[in-house]
Protein backbone atom coordinates (compact mmCIF):
# COMPACT_ATOMS: atom_id res chain seq x y z
CA UNK A 1 196.12 227.11 120.78
CA UNK A 2 195.76 225.05 117.63
CA UNK A 3 194.13 221.64 117.31
CA UNK A 4 195.34 219.12 114.64
CA UNK A 5 196.54 221.95 112.46
CA UNK A 6 197.82 220.95 109.04
CA UNK A 7 199.86 224.17 109.06
CA UNK A 8 201.51 223.29 112.35
CA UNK A 9 202.23 219.76 111.09
CA UNK A 10 203.81 221.22 107.95
CA UNK A 11 205.87 223.56 110.14
CA UNK A 12 207.10 220.56 112.12
CA UNK A 13 208.18 218.88 108.86
CA UNK A 14 208.58 215.41 110.34
CA UNK A 15 206.99 212.69 108.20
CA UNK A 16 204.71 210.37 110.11
CA UNK A 17 203.94 212.87 112.88
CA UNK A 18 200.93 215.13 113.35
CA UNK A 19 200.75 218.16 115.64
CA UNK A 20 197.79 217.88 118.02
CA UNK A 21 198.24 221.23 119.75
CA UNK A 22 200.67 224.08 120.28
CA UNK A 23 201.21 226.17 123.38
CA UNK A 24 203.67 228.92 124.24
CA UNK A 25 204.87 229.19 127.82
CA UNK A 26 207.99 230.48 129.52
CA UNK A 27 209.41 231.75 126.23
CA UNK A 28 209.31 228.34 124.60
CA UNK A 29 206.96 226.58 122.22
CA UNK A 30 205.38 223.26 123.24
CA UNK A 31 204.15 220.96 120.47
CA UNK A 32 202.01 217.96 121.37
CA UNK A 33 202.66 215.39 118.64
CA UNK A 34 201.86 211.79 117.86
CA UNK A 35 202.55 209.39 115.04
CA UNK A 36 200.02 208.65 112.33
CA UNK A 37 200.82 204.93 111.96
CA UNK A 38 197.74 202.82 112.62
CA UNK A 39 199.01 199.30 111.91
CA UNK A 40 202.28 197.87 113.23
CA UNK A 41 203.70 194.38 113.11
CA UNK A 42 205.80 192.86 115.86
CA UNK A 43 209.52 193.07 115.09
CA UNK A 44 210.06 189.53 116.42
CA UNK A 45 207.27 187.64 114.63
CA UNK A 46 205.66 190.10 112.20
CA UNK A 47 202.12 189.58 113.51
CA UNK A 48 199.95 192.67 113.89
CA UNK A 49 200.17 194.29 117.31
CA UNK A 50 197.26 195.85 119.21
CA UNK A 51 197.43 199.45 120.47
CA UNK A 52 197.64 199.65 124.26
CA UNK A 53 197.52 203.38 124.99
CA UNK A 54 200.16 206.08 124.83
CA UNK A 55 202.67 207.71 127.14
CA UNK A 56 204.21 211.13 126.72
CA UNK A 57 207.93 211.68 126.35
CA UNK A 58 209.71 215.00 125.89
CA UNK A 59 212.22 215.75 123.16
CA UNK A 60 213.84 218.97 121.96
CA UNK A 61 213.61 220.12 118.35
CA UNK A 62 214.89 223.03 116.28
CA UNK A 63 214.04 226.47 117.68
CA UNK A 64 211.16 228.27 115.94
CA UNK A 65 211.15 232.06 115.81
CA UNK A 66 214.04 232.24 118.25
CA UNK A 67 212.18 230.18 120.84
CA UNK A 68 213.25 226.72 122.05
CA UNK A 69 210.82 223.96 121.02
CA UNK A 70 209.81 221.09 123.26
CA UNK A 71 208.05 218.16 121.61
CA UNK A 72 205.65 216.24 123.82
CA UNK A 73 205.51 212.97 121.88
CA UNK A 74 202.52 210.76 122.67
CA UNK A 75 204.34 207.49 122.05
CA UNK A 76 202.11 204.53 121.28
CA UNK A 77 202.54 201.33 123.25
CA UNK A 78 201.81 198.09 121.42
CA UNK A 79 200.74 194.78 122.92
CA UNK A 80 201.27 191.26 121.54
CA UNK A 81 198.75 188.65 122.65
CA UNK A 82 200.36 185.67 120.90
CA UNK A 83 201.74 183.32 123.56
CA UNK A 84 204.31 181.90 121.12
CA UNK A 85 205.98 185.28 120.60
CA UNK A 86 208.64 186.32 123.15
CA UNK A 87 207.74 190.01 122.67
CA UNK A 88 204.78 190.85 124.89
CA UNK A 89 204.77 194.63 124.46
CA UNK A 90 206.85 197.39 122.90
CA UNK A 91 206.74 201.14 122.35
CA UNK A 92 207.10 202.80 119.00
CA UNK A 93 210.44 204.24 117.96
CA UNK A 94 211.29 206.71 115.21
CA UNK A 95 214.68 207.30 113.59
CA UNK A 96 213.88 211.04 113.69
CA UNK A 97 214.27 211.10 117.47
CA UNK A 98 217.38 210.02 119.33
CA UNK A 99 217.79 210.55 123.04
CA UNK A 100 216.33 213.87 124.14
CA UNK A 101 216.83 215.62 120.76
CA UNK A 102 215.46 215.15 117.30
CA UNK A 103 218.23 214.14 114.92
CA UNK A 104 217.85 217.35 112.95
CA UNK A 105 218.19 219.39 116.16
CA UNK A 106 221.34 217.47 117.08
CA UNK A 107 222.82 218.06 113.59
CA UNK A 108 222.06 221.78 113.74
CA UNK A 109 223.48 222.03 117.24
CA UNK A 110 226.73 220.44 116.00
CA UNK A 111 226.81 222.72 112.94
CA UNK A 112 226.40 225.86 115.03
CA UNK A 113 229.20 224.85 117.39
CA UNK A 114 231.51 223.47 114.70
CA UNK A 115 231.08 225.50 111.50
CA UNK A 116 229.75 228.69 113.08
CA UNK A 117 232.05 228.57 116.11
CA UNK A 118 229.31 229.42 118.59
CA UNK A 119 229.89 228.50 122.20
CA UNK A 120 228.35 225.38 123.68
CA UNK A 121 226.56 227.50 126.31
CA UNK A 122 224.93 229.88 123.80
CA UNK A 123 223.77 227.06 121.51
CA UNK A 124 222.48 225.06 124.47
CA UNK A 125 220.52 228.09 125.66
CA UNK A 126 218.91 228.65 122.23
CA UNK A 127 217.80 225.00 122.10
CA UNK A 128 216.60 224.97 125.69
CA UNK A 129 219.01 222.25 126.81
CA UNK A 130 221.81 222.20 129.33
CA UNK A 131 225.51 222.46 128.50
CA UNK A 132 225.98 218.69 128.91
CA UNK A 133 222.97 217.95 126.69
CA UNK A 134 224.36 220.13 123.92
CA UNK A 135 227.83 218.65 124.23
CA UNK A 136 226.40 215.09 124.18
CA UNK A 137 225.02 215.79 120.68
CA UNK A 138 228.58 216.30 119.46
């Protein structure tokens, strides 16, 4: 629907990510996102790593407009060509995403079940995850 929309990126509200496209299917919103970081150093030696493509992983985020949101994160893979470094390749990580949920989605899921007293099943349904996925956030 939308390509590299600043408005969609602002709606996402996750620093360091940009929304590449949005699609609505099966009563849920799909957001294709990637990070904006262009230069990364190796965690082991600090030397600049070289980009080696991306792979998509799926994470759940806060519902938007009553619809579950699925983030398709195009995670960058980095390659180290220095023979002296034990790290040969690594994929990017972000503190905003943990497991299959964004941290803010996990916090809201816990709030709804704890403070609001909503059932695990109803909260899981609204986030588009299974009962066990919702309970794991607790």
